[in-house]
Amino acid sequence: MDAFTGFPLAALDFYEDLEADNSKAFWTAHKQTYDEAVRAPMTALAAELEPEFGQAKIFRPYRDVRFSADKTPYKDHQGAVAGTAPGVGWYVQIGAAGLFVAGGCYQMSPAALATLRATIDDDVRGAELEAILAAATAAGYTIGGDRLKTKPKGYSIDHPRIELLRHKSLIASREFGAPDWLTTPAAATEIRRAWTELRPLVEWFTGVFEGVEH
């Protein structure tokens, strides 16, 4: 496998064009660009980061349209996730807007969600999560994820961590766009730095879900 040398601007251009023409005809005509400018660099990046973060899964470029009103066949980005537990890990994505990184918990079974809420409810462990998220915010990350509009069953609306208890997924993310280093080997250094900054959050979730049925 070739060493990671960065994401070429052709990757961003490919997805910008795909957004304008998300069709099999376009994909077939430009598949070589996808293979060389998107898939190959993502594969090389995953291999470079694997010793520190584990093996990453590189997602398929095709959308699952079976239950979607949107029948466009291809995803408008290429993502990869290095998981530490079911639904938990680090994420990296390239698309028309550039580079996006994230870490945290992106999906949970009912049992895992119940365990998460019980842990957030605990004054010690809940405070740990608050401190981790505060540090991530201070470092420039955005806290997001799917949330209930109301309070979860069994918890008071006056709970001091009610906003965290509403989460059904919880991630810290950052949009890097297309800085000068994106097209160079230094992109791996920047992504490694971001994932390292997100390690406390990923490890907190990993510890919470250890032994939980997913």
N, C-alpha and C. Protein backbone atom coordinates (compact mmCIF):
# COMPACT_ATOMS: atom_id res chain seq x y z
N MET A 1 0.85 -1.19 0.00
CA MET A 1 0.00 0.00 0.00
C MET A 1 0.88 1.24 0.00
N ASP A 2 0.52 2.23 -0.81
CA ASP A 2 1.28 3.48 -0.86
C ASP A 2 1.10 4.26 0.43
N ALA A 3 2.13 5.04 0.78
CA ALA A 3 2.07 5.88 1.98
C ALA A 3 1.07 7.01 1.78
N PHE A 4 0.52 7.49 2.88
CA PHE A 4 -0.44 8.60 2.82
C PHE A 4 0.31 9.89 2.50
N THR A 5 -0.15 10.59 1.46
CA THR A 5 0.48 11.85 1.05
C THR A 5 -0.46 13.04 1.13
N GLY A 6 -1.66 12.81 1.68
CA GLY A 6 -2.64 13.89 1.77
C GLY A 6 -3.85 13.61 0.89
N PHE A 7 -4.89 14.43 1.05
CA PHE A 7 -6.07 14.34 0.20
C PHE A 7 -5.95 15.39 -0.90
N PRO A 8 -5.87 14.98 -2.16
CA PRO A 8 -5.75 15.97 -3.24
C PRO A 8 -7.02 16.79 -3.39
N LEU A 9 -6.85 17.99 -3.93
CA LEU A 9 -8.03 18.83 -4.15
C LEU A 9 -9.00 18.18 -5.12
N ALA A 10 -8.52 17.24 -5.91
CA ALA A 10 -9.40 16.51 -6.82
C ALA A 10 -10.48 15.76 -6.07
N ALA A 11 -10.20 15.39 -4.80
CA ALA A 11 -11.22 14.71 -4.00
C ALA A 11 -12.38 15.64 -3.70
N LEU A 12 -12.06 16.89 -3.34
CA LEU A 12 -13.11 17.87 -3.05
C LEU A 12 -13.88 18.21 -4.32
N ASP A 13 -13.15 18.35 -5.42
CA ASP A 13 -13.81 18.66 -6.69
C ASP A 13 -14.73 17.52 -7.11
N PHE A 14 -14.28 16.28 -6.88
CA PHE A 14 -15.11 15.12 -7.24
C PHE A 14 -16.45 15.18 -6.53
N TYR A 15 -16.43 15.48 -5.21
CA TYR A 15 -17.69 15.51 -4.47
C TYR A 15 -18.52 16.73 -4.79
N GLU A 16 -17.88 17.83 -5.14
CA GLU A 16 -18.65 19.01 -5.57
C GLU A 16 -19.40 18.69 -6.87
N ASP A 17 -18.73 18.01 -7.78
CA ASP A 17 -19.38 17.62 -9.04
C ASP A 17 -20.45 16.56 -8.79
N LEU A 18 -20.19 15.65 -7.86
CA LEU A 18 -21.18 14.60 -7.56
C LEU A 18 -22.45 15.20 -6.98
N GLU A 19 -22.31 16.26 -6.18
CA GLU A 19 -23.50 16.92 -5.63
C GLU A 19 -24.37 17.49 -6.75
N ALA A 20 -23.74 17.91 -7.84
CA ALA A 20 -24.50 18.47 -8.97
C ALA A 20 -25.08 17.38 -9.86
N ASP A 21 -24.43 16.21 -9.87
CA ASP A 21 -24.89 15.12 -10.75
C ASP A 21 -24.67 13.79 -10.04
N ASN A 22 -25.57 13.46 -9.11
CA ASN A 22 -25.46 12.21 -8.35
C ASN A 22 -26.15 11.11 -9.15
N SER A 23 -25.44 10.61 -10.15
CA SER A 23 -26.02 9.61 -11.05
C SER A 23 -25.00 8.51 -11.31
N LYS A 24 -25.50 7.37 -11.74
CA LYS A 24 -24.62 6.26 -12.08
C LYS A 24 -23.74 6.62 -13.27
N ALA A 25 -24.27 7.40 -14.18
CA ALA A 25 -23.48 7.79 -15.35
C ALA A 25 -22.27 8.62 -14.93
N PHE A 26 -22.50 9.59 -14.03
CA PHE A 26 -21.37 10.40 -13.55
C PHE A 26 -20.37 9.52 -12.81
N TRP A 27 -20.87 8.66 -11.93
CA TRP A 27 -19.98 7.82 -11.11
C TRP A 27 -19.12 6.92 -12.01
N THR A 28 -19.74 6.32 -12.99
CA THR A 28 -19.01 5.43 -13.89
C THR A 28 -17.92 6.19 -14.64
N ALA A 29 -18.25 7.38 -15.08
CA ALA A 29 -17.30 8.18 -15.84
C ALA A 29 -16.14 8.69 -14.99
N HIS A 30 -16.36 8.82 -13.68
CA HIS A 30 -15.35 9.42 -12.81
C HIS A 30 -14.88 8.47 -11.71
N LYS A 31 -15.13 7.18 -11.89
CA LYS A 31 -14.76 6.22 -10.84
C LYS A 31 -13.25 6.19 -10.61
N GLN A 32 -12.47 6.39 -11.64
CA GLN A 32 -11.02 6.40 -11.46
C GLN A 32 -10.59 7.54 -10.55
N THR A 33 -11.25 8.69 -10.68
CA THR A 33 -10.94 9.82 -9.78
C THR A 33 -11.28 9.45 -8.35
N TYR A 34 -12.43 8.81 -8.15
CA TYR A 34 -12.80 8.37 -6.80
C TYR A 34 -11.76 7.41 -6.25
N ASP A 35 -11.38 6.42 -7.05
CA ASP A 35 -10.42 5.41 -6.59
C ASP A 35 -9.08 6.03 -6.22
N GLU A 36 -8.61 6.96 -7.02
CA GLU A 36 -7.26 7.51 -6.85
C GLU A 36 -7.21 8.70 -5.89
N ALA A 37 -8.23 9.55 -5.92
CA ALA A 37 -8.19 10.79 -5.14
C ALA A 37 -8.91 10.69 -3.80
N VAL A 38 -9.80 9.70 -3.67
CA VAL A 38 -10.60 9.56 -2.45
C VAL A 38 -10.30 8.26 -1.72
N ARG A 39 -10.59 7.16 -2.38
CA ARG A 39 -10.48 5.85 -1.70
C ARG A 39 -9.03 5.51 -1.32
N ALA A 40 -8.11 5.69 -2.24
CA ALA A 40 -6.71 5.33 -1.97
C ALA A 40 -6.12 6.16 -0.83
N PRO A 41 -6.29 7.50 -0.82
CA PRO A 41 -5.76 8.26 0.31
C PRO A 41 -6.41 7.88 1.64
N MET A 42 -7.72 7.61 1.64
CA MET A 42 -8.39 7.24 2.89
C MET A 42 -7.86 5.89 3.40
N THR A 43 -7.63 4.97 2.48
CA THR A 43 -7.08 3.67 2.86
C THR A 43 -5.68 3.82 3.44
N ALA A 44 -4.86 4.66 2.81
CA ALA A 44 -3.50 4.89 3.30
C ALA A 44 -3.51 5.60 4.65
N LEU A 45 -4.42 6.54 4.83
CA LEU A 45 -4.55 7.24 6.12
C LEU A 45 -4.93 6.26 7.22
N ALA A 46 -5.89 5.40 6.95
CA ALA A 46 -6.33 4.43 7.95
C ALA A 46 -5.16 3.53 8.37
N ALA A 47 -4.34 3.13 7.40
CA ALA A 47 -3.20 2.28 7.71
C ALA A 47 -2.18 3.02 8.57
N GLU A 48 -1.99 4.30 8.31
CA GLU A 48 -1.02 5.08 9.08
C GLU A 48 -1.47 5.30 10.53
N LEU A 49 -2.77 5.46 10.73
CA LEU A 49 -3.29 5.73 12.08
C LEU A 49 -3.57 4.45 12.87
N GLU A 50 -3.58 3.32 12.19
CA GLU A 50 -3.97 2.06 12.84
C GLU A 50 -3.14 1.71 14.08
N PRO A 51 -1.81 1.90 14.08
CA PRO A 51 -1.04 1.52 15.27
C PRO A 51 -1.50 2.23 16.55
N GLU A 52 -2.03 3.45 16.43
CA GLU A 52 -2.44 4.21 17.61
C GLU A 52 -3.93 4.10 17.91
N PHE A 53 -4.74 3.91 16.89
CA PHE A 53 -6.19 3.99 17.09
C PHE A 53 -6.95 2.73 16.68
N GLY A 54 -6.25 1.74 16.18
CA GLY A 54 -6.91 0.51 15.78
C GLY A 54 -7.34 0.56 14.32
N GLN A 55 -7.75 -0.60 13.84
CA GLN A 55 -8.15 -0.73 12.44
C GLN A 55 -9.42 0.05 12.16
N ALA A 56 -9.41 0.79 11.07
CA ALA A 56 -10.57 1.61 10.70
C ALA A 56 -11.38 0.92 9.61
N LYS A 57 -12.67 1.09 9.70
CA LYS A 57 -13.58 0.63 8.64
C LYS A 57 -13.82 1.78 7.68
N ILE A 58 -13.58 1.53 6.41
CA ILE A 58 -13.84 2.54 5.39
C ILE A 58 -15.20 2.25 4.78
N PHE A 59 -16.09 3.23 4.86
CA PHE A 59 -17.47 3.00 4.46
C PHE A 59 -17.62 2.89 2.94
N ARG A 60 -18.61 2.13 2.54
CA ARG A 60 -18.94 2.02 1.13
C ARG A 60 -19.46 3.36 0.62
N PRO A 61 -19.25 3.66 -0.66
CA PRO A 61 -19.70 4.94 -1.21
C PRO A 61 -21.17 4.97 -1.58
N TYR A 62 -21.84 3.82 -1.46
CA TYR A 62 -23.23 3.73 -1.91
C TYR A 62 -24.20 3.98 -0.77
N ARG A 63 -25.25 4.70 -1.05
CA ARG A 63 -26.29 4.96 -0.06
C ARG A 63 -27.26 3.78 0.00
N ASP A 64 -27.81 3.54 1.19
CA ASP A 64 -28.88 2.57 1.35
C ASP A 64 -30.20 3.32 1.13
N VAL A 65 -30.79 3.13 -0.03
CA VAL A 65 -31.98 3.92 -0.39
C VAL A 65 -33.27 3.15 -0.20
N ARG A 66 -33.19 1.95 0.40
CA ARG A 66 -34.38 1.10 0.50
C ARG A 66 -35.53 1.78 1.24
N PHE A 67 -35.20 2.52 2.31
CA PHE A 67 -36.26 3.12 3.14
C PHE A 67 -36.17 4.65 3.14
N SER A 68 -35.56 5.19 2.12
CA SER A 68 -35.35 6.63 2.05
C SER A 68 -36.12 7.23 0.88
N ALA A 69 -36.68 8.42 1.12
CA ALA A 69 -37.34 9.14 0.04
C ALA A 69 -36.32 9.69 -0.95
N ASP A 70 -35.10 9.91 -0.47
CA ASP A 70 -34.02 10.39 -1.32
C ASP A 70 -33.37 9.18 -1.99
N LYS A 71 -33.52 9.07 -3.29
CA LYS A 71 -33.03 7.90 -4.01
C LYS A 71 -31.69 8.14 -4.71
N THR A 72 -31.01 9.24 -4.41
CA THR A 72 -29.70 9.44 -5.00
C THR A 72 -28.79 8.29 -4.56
N PRO A 73 -28.04 7.71 -5.49
CA PRO A 73 -27.36 6.45 -5.19
C PRO A 73 -26.05 6.55 -4.42
N TYR A 74 -25.41 7.71 -4.40
CA TYR A 74 -24.06 7.78 -3.83
C TYR A 74 -23.97 8.79 -2.69
N LYS A 75 -23.17 8.45 -1.70
CA LYS A 75 -22.94 9.36 -0.58
C LYS A 75 -22.15 10.57 -1.05
N ASP A 76 -22.39 11.73 -0.41
CA ASP A 76 -21.69 12.95 -0.82
C ASP A 76 -20.40 13.17 -0.02
N HIS A 77 -19.85 12.09 0.53
CA HIS A 77 -18.61 12.15 1.30
C HIS A 77 -18.05 10.73 1.43
N GLN A 78 -16.79 10.65 1.81
CA GLN A 78 -16.19 9.35 2.14
C GLN A 78 -15.76 9.38 3.60
N GLY A 79 -16.26 8.43 4.37
CA GLY A 79 -15.95 8.38 5.79
C GLY A 79 -15.24 7.11 6.18
N ALA A 80 -14.59 7.16 7.34
CA ALA A 80 -13.96 5.98 7.93
C ALA A 80 -14.07 6.11 9.44
N VAL A 81 -14.24 4.98 10.13
CA VAL A 81 -14.39 4.99 11.58
C VAL A 81 -13.47 3.94 12.19
N ALA A 82 -12.75 4.34 13.23
CA ALA A 82 -11.93 3.43 14.02
C ALA A 82 -12.68 3.20 15.32
N GLY A 83 -13.30 2.03 15.45
CA GLY A 83 -14.17 1.76 16.59
C GLY A 83 -13.44 1.15 17.76
N THR A 84 -13.93 1.48 18.96
CA THR A 84 -13.41 0.90 20.20
C THR A 84 -14.45 0.04 20.91
N ALA A 85 -15.71 0.24 20.57
CA ALA A 85 -16.84 -0.52 21.10
C ALA A 85 -17.97 -0.30 20.10
N PRO A 86 -19.01 -1.15 20.11
CA PRO A 86 -20.12 -0.94 19.16
C PRO A 86 -20.68 0.48 19.26
N GLY A 87 -20.63 1.20 18.14
CA GLY A 87 -21.17 2.56 18.10
C GLY A 87 -20.27 3.62 18.69
N VAL A 88 -19.03 3.28 19.06
CA VAL A 88 -18.11 4.22 19.70
C VAL A 88 -16.79 4.24 18.93
N GLY A 89 -16.22 5.43 18.75
CA GLY A 89 -14.91 5.49 18.11
C GLY A 89 -14.59 6.85 17.55
N TRP A 90 -13.55 6.86 16.69
CA TRP A 90 -13.11 8.07 16.01
C TRP A 90 -13.57 8.02 14.56
N TYR A 91 -13.82 9.20 13.98
CA TYR A 91 -14.35 9.29 12.63
C TYR A 91 -13.58 10.34 11.85
N VAL A 92 -13.38 10.08 10.55
CA VAL A 92 -12.79 11.06 9.64
C VAL A 92 -13.56 11.02 8.33
N GLN A 93 -13.72 12.18 7.71
CA GLN A 93 -14.54 12.28 6.49
C GLN A 93 -13.95 13.32 5.56
N ILE A 94 -14.02 13.02 4.26
CA ILE A 94 -13.64 13.99 3.23
C ILE A 94 -14.83 14.17 2.29
N GLY A 95 -15.10 15.42 1.92
CA GLY A 95 -16.21 15.73 1.03
C GLY A 95 -15.96 17.06 0.34
N ALA A 96 -16.99 17.59 -0.29
CA ALA A 96 -16.83 18.85 -1.01
C ALA A 96 -16.39 19.98 -0.10
N ALA A 97 -16.84 19.96 1.15
CA ALA A 97 -16.49 21.03 2.10
C ALA A 97 -15.11 20.84 2.71
N GLY A 98 -14.46 19.70 2.45
CA GLY A 98 -13.15 19.46 3.00
C GLY A 98 -13.15 18.38 4.06
N LEU A 99 -12.30 18.57 5.06
CA LEU A 99 -12.06 17.56 6.08
C LEU A 99 -12.94 17.77 7.31
N PHE A 100 -13.46 16.66 7.83
CA PHE A 100 -14.29 16.66 9.04
C PHE A 100 -13.80 15.53 9.93
N VAL A 101 -13.62 15.79 11.22
CA VAL A 101 -13.23 14.74 12.16
C VAL A 101 -14.20 14.76 13.35
N ALA A 102 -14.34 13.61 13.99
CA ALA A 102 -15.24 13.51 15.13
C ALA A 102 -14.84 12.33 16.00
N GLY A 103 -15.39 12.31 17.20
CA GLY A 103 -15.20 11.18 18.09
C GLY A 103 -16.32 11.15 19.10
N GLY A 104 -16.65 9.95 19.57
CA GLY A 104 -17.70 9.82 20.57
C GLY A 104 -18.55 8.60 20.31
N CYS A 105 -19.84 8.73 20.63
CA CYS A 105 -20.79 7.63 20.52
C CYS A 105 -21.85 8.02 19.51
N TYR A 106 -21.93 7.29 18.40
CA TYR A 106 -22.82 7.69 17.32
C TYR A 106 -24.05 6.82 17.18
N GLN A 107 -24.12 5.70 17.89
CA GLN A 107 -25.37 4.92 17.91
C GLN A 107 -25.34 3.98 19.10
N MET A 108 -26.53 3.70 19.65
CA MET A 108 -26.63 2.87 20.85
C MET A 108 -27.85 1.98 20.78
N SER A 109 -27.73 0.80 21.36
CA SER A 109 -28.88 -0.06 21.58
C SER A 109 -29.67 0.50 22.76
N PRO A 110 -30.92 0.07 22.96
CA PRO A 110 -31.67 0.52 24.14
C PRO A 110 -30.93 0.23 25.45
N ALA A 111 -30.27 -0.94 25.53
CA ALA A 111 -29.53 -1.28 26.75
C ALA A 111 -28.36 -0.35 26.97
N ALA A 112 -27.64 -0.03 25.87
CA ALA A 112 -26.50 0.87 25.99
C ALA A 112 -26.96 2.28 26.35
N LEU A 113 -28.08 2.73 25.78
CA LEU A 113 -28.59 4.06 26.09
C LEU A 113 -29.00 4.15 27.55
N ALA A 114 -29.63 3.11 28.07
CA ALA A 114 -30.01 3.09 29.48
C ALA A 114 -28.77 3.14 30.37
N THR A 115 -27.72 2.43 29.97
CA THR A 115 -26.47 2.45 30.74
C THR A 115 -25.83 3.83 30.69
N LEU A 116 -25.84 4.44 29.53
CA LEU A 116 -25.27 5.79 29.40
C LEU A 116 -26.00 6.76 30.31
N ARG A 117 -27.32 6.73 30.29
CA ARG A 117 -28.08 7.69 31.11
C ARG A 117 -27.86 7.45 32.60
N ALA A 118 -27.75 6.19 33.01
CA ALA A 118 -27.47 5.90 34.41
C ALA A 118 -26.09 6.42 34.80
N THR A 119 -25.14 6.36 33.87
CA THR A 119 -23.79 6.85 34.14
C THR A 119 -23.76 8.37 34.20
N ILE A 120 -24.48 9.03 33.31
CA ILE A 120 -24.57 10.48 33.35
C ILE A 120 -25.26 10.95 34.63
N ASP A 121 -26.23 10.16 35.08
CA ASP A 121 -26.96 10.48 36.31
C ASP A 121 -26.05 10.43 37.54
N ASP A 122 -25.03 9.59 37.49
CA ASP A 122 -24.09 9.46 38.60
C ASP A 122 -23.28 10.76 38.74
N ASP A 123 -23.21 11.30 39.95
CA ASP A 123 -22.58 12.61 40.15
C ASP A 123 -21.10 12.60 39.79
N VAL A 124 -20.41 11.47 40.05
CA VAL A 124 -18.98 11.41 39.76
C VAL A 124 -18.74 11.21 38.27
N ARG A 125 -19.34 10.16 37.69
CA ARG A 125 -19.12 9.87 36.28
C ARG A 125 -19.73 10.94 35.38
N GLY A 126 -20.90 11.46 35.78
CA GLY A 126 -21.50 12.52 34.99
C GLY A 126 -20.64 13.77 34.97
N ALA A 127 -20.03 14.09 36.11
CA ALA A 127 -19.13 15.25 36.17
C ALA A 127 -17.89 15.02 35.31
N GLU A 128 -17.43 13.78 35.24
CA GLU A 128 -16.28 13.46 34.37
C GLU A 128 -16.62 13.79 32.93
N LEU A 129 -17.79 13.37 32.48
CA LEU A 129 -18.20 13.64 31.10
C LEU A 129 -18.32 15.13 30.86
N GLU A 130 -18.90 15.85 31.79
CA GLU A 130 -19.01 17.31 31.64
C GLU A 130 -17.65 17.95 31.47
N ALA A 131 -16.66 17.52 32.25
CA ALA A 131 -15.31 18.08 32.17
C ALA A 131 -14.66 17.75 30.83
N ILE A 132 -14.86 16.52 30.36
CA ILE A 132 -14.29 16.11 29.07
C ILE A 132 -14.90 16.95 27.94
N LEU A 133 -16.20 17.14 27.97
CA LEU A 133 -16.86 17.92 26.92
C LEU A 133 -16.47 19.39 27.00
N ALA A 134 -16.27 19.91 28.20
CA ALA A 134 -15.83 21.31 28.35
C ALA A 134 -14.45 21.49 27.74
N ALA A 135 -13.56 20.52 27.98
CA ALA A 135 -12.21 20.60 27.41
C ALA A 135 -12.25 20.51 25.89
N ALA A 136 -13.11 19.64 25.36
CA ALA A 136 -13.24 19.52 23.91
C ALA A 136 -13.77 20.82 23.30
N THR A 137 -14.74 21.41 23.95
CA THR A 137 -15.29 22.68 23.47
C THR A 137 -14.22 23.76 23.48
N ALA A 138 -13.43 23.81 24.54
CA ALA A 138 -12.37 24.80 24.64
C ALA A 138 -11.31 24.61 23.57
N ALA A 139 -11.15 23.36 23.11
CA ALA A 139 -10.16 23.05 22.08
C ALA A 139 -10.70 23.29 20.67
N GLY A 140 -11.96 23.73 20.56
CA GLY A 140 -12.51 24.09 19.27
C GLY A 140 -13.47 23.09 18.65
N TYR A 141 -13.91 22.10 19.43
CA TYR A 141 -14.83 21.10 18.92
C TYR A 141 -16.28 21.49 19.22
N THR A 142 -17.17 21.04 18.37
CA THR A 142 -18.60 21.26 18.53
C THR A 142 -19.23 19.99 19.10
N ILE A 143 -20.05 20.15 20.13
CA ILE A 143 -20.71 18.99 20.73
C ILE A 143 -22.08 18.83 20.09
N GLY A 144 -22.36 17.63 19.61
CA GLY A 144 -23.64 17.40 18.93
C GLY A 144 -24.11 15.97 19.11
N GLY A 145 -25.10 15.61 18.29
CA GLY A 145 -25.69 14.28 18.35
C GLY A 145 -27.20 14.35 18.39
N ASP A 146 -27.85 13.22 18.16
CA ASP A 146 -29.31 13.15 18.23
C ASP A 146 -29.77 13.31 19.67
N ARG A 147 -30.87 14.08 19.86
CA ARG A 147 -31.35 14.36 21.22
C ARG A 147 -32.86 14.30 21.27
N LEU A 148 -33.35 13.92 22.42
CA LEU A 148 -34.78 14.02 22.68
C LEU A 148 -35.16 15.49 22.83
N LYS A 149 -36.37 15.83 22.41
CA LYS A 149 -36.86 17.19 22.63
C LYS A 149 -37.41 17.34 24.04
N THR A 150 -37.82 16.22 24.63
CA THR A 150 -38.34 16.23 25.99
C THR A 150 -37.35 15.53 26.91
N LYS A 151 -37.71 15.38 28.16
CA LYS A 151 -36.82 14.67 29.09
C LYS A 151 -36.98 13.17 28.91
N PRO A 152 -35.91 12.41 29.14
CA PRO A 152 -36.05 10.95 29.07
C PRO A 152 -36.88 10.43 30.24
N LYS A 153 -37.58 9.36 30.00
CA LYS A 153 -38.44 8.78 31.03
C LYS A 153 -37.62 8.39 32.26
N GLY A 154 -38.14 8.78 33.42
CA GLY A 154 -37.49 8.42 34.68
C GLY A 154 -36.55 9.47 35.22
N TYR A 155 -36.38 10.59 34.48
CA TYR A 155 -35.48 11.65 34.93
C TYR A 155 -36.23 12.97 35.03
N SER A 156 -35.85 13.76 36.00
CA SER A 156 -36.52 15.03 36.25
C SER A 156 -36.04 16.10 35.26
N ILE A 157 -36.95 16.96 34.87
CA ILE A 157 -36.59 18.08 34.00
C ILE A 157 -35.60 19.00 34.69
N ASP A 158 -35.54 18.93 36.02
CA ASP A 158 -34.63 19.78 36.78
C ASP A 158 -33.28 19.12 37.04
N HIS A 159 -33.04 17.97 36.42
CA HIS A 159 -31.77 17.29 36.62
C HIS A 159 -30.62 18.21 36.19
N PRO A 160 -29.53 18.29 36.97
CA PRO A 160 -28.44 19.21 36.61
C PRO A 160 -27.76 18.87 35.28
N ARG A 161 -27.93 17.64 34.81
CA ARG A 161 -27.33 17.27 33.52
C ARG A 161 -28.41 16.83 32.53
N ILE A 162 -29.55 17.49 32.60
CA ILE A 162 -30.68 17.10 31.76
C ILE A 162 -30.34 17.20 30.27
N GLU A 163 -29.52 18.18 29.89
CA GLU A 163 -29.18 18.32 28.47
C GLU A 163 -28.37 17.13 27.98
N LEU A 164 -27.49 16.62 28.81
CA LEU A 164 -26.73 15.42 28.43
C LEU A 164 -27.62 14.18 28.43
N LEU A 165 -28.54 14.12 29.36
CA LEU A 165 -29.44 12.96 29.44
C LEU A 165 -30.35 12.87 28.21
N ARG A 166 -30.58 13.98 27.54
CA ARG A 166 -31.43 13.96 26.35
C ARG A 166 -30.74 13.30 25.15
N HIS A 167 -29.44 13.18 25.18
CA HIS A 167 -28.71 12.67 24.03
C HIS A 167 -28.99 11.19 23.77
N LYS A 168 -29.22 10.87 22.48
CA LYS A 168 -29.30 9.48 22.02
C LYS A 168 -28.03 9.10 21.28
N SER A 169 -27.23 10.07 20.92
CA SER A 169 -25.86 9.91 20.44
C SER A 169 -25.14 11.18 20.86
N LEU A 170 -23.84 11.10 21.00
CA LEU A 170 -23.10 12.26 21.51
C LEU A 170 -21.70 12.24 20.91
N ILE A 171 -21.40 13.26 20.12
CA ILE A 171 -20.08 13.34 19.49
C ILE A 171 -19.50 14.74 19.63
N ALA A 172 -18.19 14.81 19.58
CA ALA A 172 -17.48 16.08 19.46
C ALA A 172 -16.87 16.10 18.06
N SER A 173 -17.06 17.18 17.33
CA SER A 173 -16.61 17.20 15.94
C SER A 173 -15.98 18.54 15.60
N ARG A 174 -15.26 18.54 14.49
CA ARG A 174 -14.61 19.76 14.02
C ARG A 174 -14.53 19.75 12.50
N GLU A 175 -14.93 20.85 11.90
CA GLU A 175 -14.80 21.05 10.46
C GLU A 175 -13.48 21.76 10.19
N PHE A 176 -12.59 21.11 9.46
CA PHE A 176 -11.31 21.72 9.13
C PHE A 176 -11.33 22.44 7.79
N GLY A 177 -12.29 22.11 6.93
CA GLY A 177 -12.32 22.71 5.61
C GLY A 177 -11.19 22.20 4.75
N ALA A 178 -10.53 23.11 4.04
CA ALA A 178 -9.45 22.73 3.13
C ALA A 178 -8.20 23.56 3.39
N PRO A 179 -7.56 23.37 4.54
CA PRO A 179 -6.32 24.11 4.84
C PRO A 179 -5.19 23.66 3.91
N ASP A 180 -4.12 24.45 3.86
CA ASP A 180 -3.02 24.15 2.95
C ASP A 180 -2.44 22.76 3.17
N TRP A 181 -2.46 22.30 4.44
CA TRP A 181 -1.83 21.01 4.73
C TRP A 181 -2.68 19.81 4.31
N LEU A 182 -3.92 20.03 3.89
CA LEU A 182 -4.80 18.91 3.56
C LEU A 182 -4.22 18.05 2.44
N THR A 183 -3.51 18.67 1.49
CA THR A 183 -2.99 17.95 0.33
C THR A 183 -1.58 17.40 0.57
N THR A 184 -1.10 17.45 1.80
CA THR A 184 0.25 17.02 2.13
C THR A 184 0.23 15.91 3.17
N PRO A 185 1.36 15.23 3.39
CA PRO A 185 1.42 14.21 4.44
C PRO A 185 1.11 14.76 5.83
N ALA A 186 1.24 16.07 6.02
CA ALA A 186 0.95 16.68 7.33
C ALA A 186 -0.51 16.51 7.72
N ALA A 187 -1.38 16.19 6.77
CA ALA A 187 -2.79 15.97 7.11
C ALA A 187 -2.94 14.83 8.10
N ALA A 188 -2.10 13.80 7.98
CA ALA A 188 -2.16 12.69 8.93
C ALA A 188 -1.78 13.16 10.33
N THR A 189 -0.81 14.06 10.42
CA THR A 189 -0.40 14.61 11.71
C THR A 189 -1.53 15.38 12.36
N GLU A 190 -2.23 16.18 11.56
CA GLU A 190 -3.34 16.99 12.10
C GLU A 190 -4.51 16.11 12.51
N ILE A 191 -4.81 15.11 11.74
CA ILE A 191 -5.90 14.20 12.10
C ILE A 191 -5.53 13.40 13.34
N ARG A 192 -4.28 12.96 13.41
CA ARG A 192 -3.80 12.25 14.60
C ARG A 192 -3.93 13.15 15.84
N ARG A 193 -3.57 14.40 15.70
CA ARG A 193 -3.68 15.33 16.83
C ARG A 193 -5.13 15.49 17.26
N ALA A 194 -6.03 15.61 16.30
CA ALA A 194 -7.45 15.76 16.62
C ALA A 194 -7.98 14.52 17.32
N TRP A 195 -7.67 13.36 16.79
CA TRP A 195 -8.15 12.12 17.42
C TRP A 195 -7.56 11.96 18.83
N THR A 196 -6.32 12.39 19.00
CA THR A 196 -5.72 12.32 20.34
C THR A 196 -6.45 13.25 21.30
N GLU A 197 -6.83 14.42 20.84
CA GLU A 197 -7.59 15.35 21.68
C GLU A 197 -8.96 14.76 22.04
N LEU A 198 -9.50 13.93 21.15
CA LEU A 198 -10.80 13.32 21.40
C LEU A 198 -10.71 11.98 22.14
N ARG A 199 -9.51 11.53 22.41
CA ARG A 199 -9.34 10.23 23.07
C ARG A 199 -10.05 10.17 24.43
N PRO A 200 -9.97 11.21 25.29
CA PRO A 200 -10.67 11.11 26.57
C PRO A 200 -12.17 10.82 26.42
N LEU A 201 -12.80 11.43 25.42
CA LEU A 201 -14.24 11.20 25.20
C LEU A 201 -14.49 9.79 24.71
N VAL A 202 -13.70 9.35 23.73
CA VAL A 202 -13.87 8.00 23.19
C VAL A 202 -13.63 6.96 24.28
N GLU A 203 -12.60 7.16 25.09
CA GLU A 203 -12.29 6.18 26.15
C GLU A 203 -13.35 6.21 27.26
N TRP A 204 -13.94 7.37 27.51
CA TRP A 204 -15.01 7.44 28.52
C TRP A 204 -16.19 6.57 28.07
N PHE A 205 -16.60 6.74 26.82
CA PHE A 205 -17.71 5.93 26.29
C PHE A 205 -17.34 4.45 26.26
N THR A 206 -16.12 4.14 25.86
CA THR A 206 -15.69 2.75 25.80
C THR A 206 -15.80 2.09 27.17
N GLY A 207 -15.40 2.81 28.21
CA GLY A 207 -15.50 2.28 29.57
C GLY A 207 -16.94 2.10 30.02
N VAL A 208 -17.80 3.03 29.63
CA VAL A 208 -19.21 2.95 30.02
C VAL A 208 -19.87 1.70 29.43
N PHE A 209 -19.55 1.38 28.19
CA PHE A 209 -20.25 0.31 27.48
C PHE A 209 -19.56 -1.04 27.61
N GLU A 210 -18.48 -1.13 28.35
CA GLU A 210 -17.81 -2.40 28.51
C GLU A 210 -18.75 -3.42 29.16
N GLY A 211 -18.97 -4.51 28.47
CA GLY A 211 -19.82 -5.56 28.99
C GLY A 211 -21.31 -5.34 28.78
N VAL A 212 -21.68 -4.24 28.12
CA VAL A 212 -23.09 -3.95 27.88
C VAL A 212 -23.52 -4.60 26.56
N GLU A 213 -24.71 -5.18 26.56
CA GLU A 213 -25.24 -5.79 25.34
C GLU A 213 -25.58 -4.71 24.33
N HIS A 214 -25.14 -4.89 23.09
CA HIS A 214 -25.39 -3.89 22.04
C HIS A 214 -26.30 -4.47 20.96
